[in-house]
Amino acid sequence: MIEGSCCCGAVKFELKNKPSMLGTCHCSRCRKVGASAIIFVKKEDLVWVQGKDQVATYTPEAPYKYERNFCKNCGTSLGEILSNDDSFPIAANAIDSELDLKNQMHEFVAEKPSWYEICDEAAQNMEHPA
């Protein structure tokens, strides 16, 4: 099992299988909520250990559609961990176990701040990849 949690420990979860991918989102929203490094997991692989009721949801106004989840106590970004989709991103920073993954893609590179330099060979997408 791959273990994950928030900073204060109120939220704990496990993943039954290795995430399918690690990527970096450079959109202003992901940067602001501290979830630029994201892993993609299958809903069936997520196991709640404790604290699902301690997860808050931020619902954006249109044209944005992706909700963001956070620990109610400490504010740790959890990506879209409450998603009902079959596969969804969660914040890589919430993973406690070692992951044998390398960054595979960058998305919303068009929104990347000028002070950030991409220093890997991962695919770069100006927007969300198709």
Protein backbone atom coordinates (compact mmCIF):
# COMPACT_ATOMS: atom_id res chain seq x y z
CA MET A 1 0.00 0.00 0.00
CA ILE A 2 1.05 3.56 -0.72
CA GLU A 3 0.26 5.83 2.22
CA GLY A 4 -0.88 9.44 2.09
CA SER A 5 -2.01 12.08 4.56
CA CYS A 6 -2.43 15.75 5.28
CA CYS A 7 0.04 17.79 7.33
CA CYS A 8 -1.86 17.49 10.63
CA GLY A 9 -2.72 13.79 10.21
CA ALA A 10 -6.50 14.26 10.33
CA VAL A 11 -6.79 12.86 6.79
CA LYS A 12 -5.18 9.52 5.97
CA PHE A 13 -5.61 7.34 2.91
CA GLU A 14 -3.90 4.54 1.03
CA LEU A 15 -3.53 3.59 -2.61
CA LYS A 16 -3.74 -0.09 -3.48
CA ASN A 17 -1.74 0.38 -6.67
CA LYS A 18 0.95 2.69 -8.00
CA PRO A 19 -0.47 5.85 -9.63
CA SER A 20 -0.60 5.73 -13.41
CA MET A 21 1.29 8.98 -13.89
CA LEU A 22 3.01 11.96 -12.27
CA GLY A 23 2.65 15.33 -13.93
CA THR A 24 3.05 19.03 -13.26
CA CYS A 25 0.29 21.57 -13.77
CA HIS A 26 1.39 25.18 -14.24
CA CYS A 27 -2.07 26.79 -14.24
CA SER A 28 -2.51 29.67 -11.83
CA ARG A 29 -5.14 27.79 -9.81
CA CYS A 30 -3.01 24.71 -9.13
CA ARG A 31 -0.03 26.88 -8.27
CA LYS A 32 -2.07 28.92 -5.78
CA VAL A 33 -3.45 25.88 -3.97
CA GLY A 34 -0.10 24.10 -3.79
CA ALA A 35 -1.05 21.22 -6.05
CA SER A 36 1.18 21.65 -9.08
CA ALA A 37 2.70 18.16 -8.77
CA ILE A 38 -0.13 15.70 -9.33
CA ILE A 39 -0.48 11.96 -9.51
CA PHE A 40 -3.30 10.23 -11.31
CA VAL A 41 -5.08 7.47 -9.41
CA LYS A 42 -8.00 5.15 -10.06
CA LYS A 43 -11.01 5.54 -7.80
CA GLU A 44 -10.95 1.80 -7.06
CA ASP A 45 -7.39 2.12 -5.70
CA LEU A 46 -8.21 4.79 -3.09
CA VAL A 47 -8.80 3.46 0.44
CA TRP A 48 -9.83 5.90 3.17
CA VAL A 49 -8.11 5.20 6.50
CA GLN A 50 -9.57 8.20 8.33
CA GLY A 51 -10.73 11.76 7.91
CA LYS A 52 -12.81 11.73 4.73
CA ASP A 53 -15.23 13.92 6.68
CA GLN A 54 -12.34 16.35 7.33
CA VAL A 55 -11.96 17.13 3.61
CA ALA A 56 -13.40 20.43 2.36
CA THR A 57 -14.22 21.22 -1.27
CA TYR A 58 -13.64 24.45 -3.15
CA THR A 59 -15.97 24.74 -6.14
CA PRO A 60 -14.81 27.33 -8.68
CA GLU A 61 -16.96 29.67 -10.72
CA ALA A 62 -17.33 29.12 -14.47
CA PRO A 63 -15.50 28.76 -16.77
CA TYR A 64 -13.43 26.65 -14.37
CA LYS A 65 -14.86 23.23 -13.58
CA TYR A 66 -12.42 21.27 -11.44
CA GLU A 67 -13.10 21.23 -7.71
CA ARG A 68 -10.17 21.26 -5.28
CA ASN A 69 -10.09 19.41 -1.96
CA PHE A 70 -8.28 20.42 1.23
CA CYS A 71 -7.97 19.28 4.82
CA LYS A 72 -10.40 21.40 6.91
CA ASN A 73 -7.87 21.55 9.76
CA CYS A 74 -4.48 22.30 8.22
CA GLY A 75 -5.31 23.28 4.63
CA THR A 76 -3.18 20.60 2.96
CA SER A 77 -4.07 20.44 -0.71
CA LEU A 78 -5.42 17.03 -1.68
CA GLY A 79 -6.16 17.64 -5.36
CA GLU A 80 -9.47 16.11 -6.44
CA ILE A 81 -9.47 13.27 -3.90
CA LEU A 82 -13.28 13.36 -3.49
CA SER A 83 -13.90 13.04 -7.25
CA ASN A 84 -16.50 10.57 -8.46
CA ASP A 85 -14.62 10.05 -11.74
CA ASP A 86 -13.01 6.67 -12.45
CA SER A 87 -9.56 8.33 -12.48
CA PHE A 88 -8.55 11.68 -11.01
CA PRO A 89 -5.53 13.69 -9.87
CA ILE A 90 -4.46 14.09 -6.27
CA ALA A 91 -1.68 16.30 -4.99
CA ALA A 92 1.62 14.40 -5.00
CA ASN A 93 2.67 16.35 -1.89
CA ALA A 94 0.07 14.38 0.12
CA ILE A 95 1.84 11.06 -0.52
CA ASP A 96 3.99 9.81 2.37
CA SER A 97 5.40 6.67 0.74
CA GLU A 98 8.21 6.68 -1.76
CA LEU A 99 6.95 6.73 -5.35
CA ASP A 100 8.95 5.22 -8.18
CA LEU A 101 7.67 7.76 -10.72
CA LYS A 102 9.24 10.51 -12.76
CA ASN A 103 7.44 13.56 -14.08
CA GLN A 104 5.84 12.55 -17.39
CA MET A 105 4.16 15.76 -18.53
CA HIS A 106 3.66 19.45 -17.96
CA GLU A 107 0.27 21.02 -18.64
CA PHE A 108 -0.82 24.65 -18.96
CA VAL A 109 2.75 25.65 -19.78
CA ALA A 110 1.27 28.80 -21.33
CA GLU A 111 0.40 29.93 -17.77
CA LYS A 112 3.81 29.09 -16.29
CA PRO A 113 5.35 32.06 -14.47
CA SER A 114 8.51 33.50 -15.99
CA TRP A 115 10.56 32.73 -12.87
CA TYR A 116 9.95 28.96 -13.19
CA GLU A 117 12.22 27.01 -15.51
CA ILE A 118 11.20 23.54 -16.65
CA CYS A 119 14.31 21.39 -16.21
CA ASP A 120 13.22 17.95 -17.37
CA GLU A 121 12.48 16.23 -20.65
CA ALA A 122 8.78 15.58 -19.94
CA ALA A 123 6.24 16.49 -22.63
CA GLN A 124 5.08 20.11 -22.46
CA ASN A 125 1.46 20.99 -23.25
CA MET A 126 0.29 24.57 -23.61
CA GLU A 127 -3.09 23.55 -22.16
CA HIS A 128 -4.64 20.37 -20.77
CA PRO A 129 -3.49 17.45 -22.96
CA ALA A 130 -6.16 15.74 -25.02
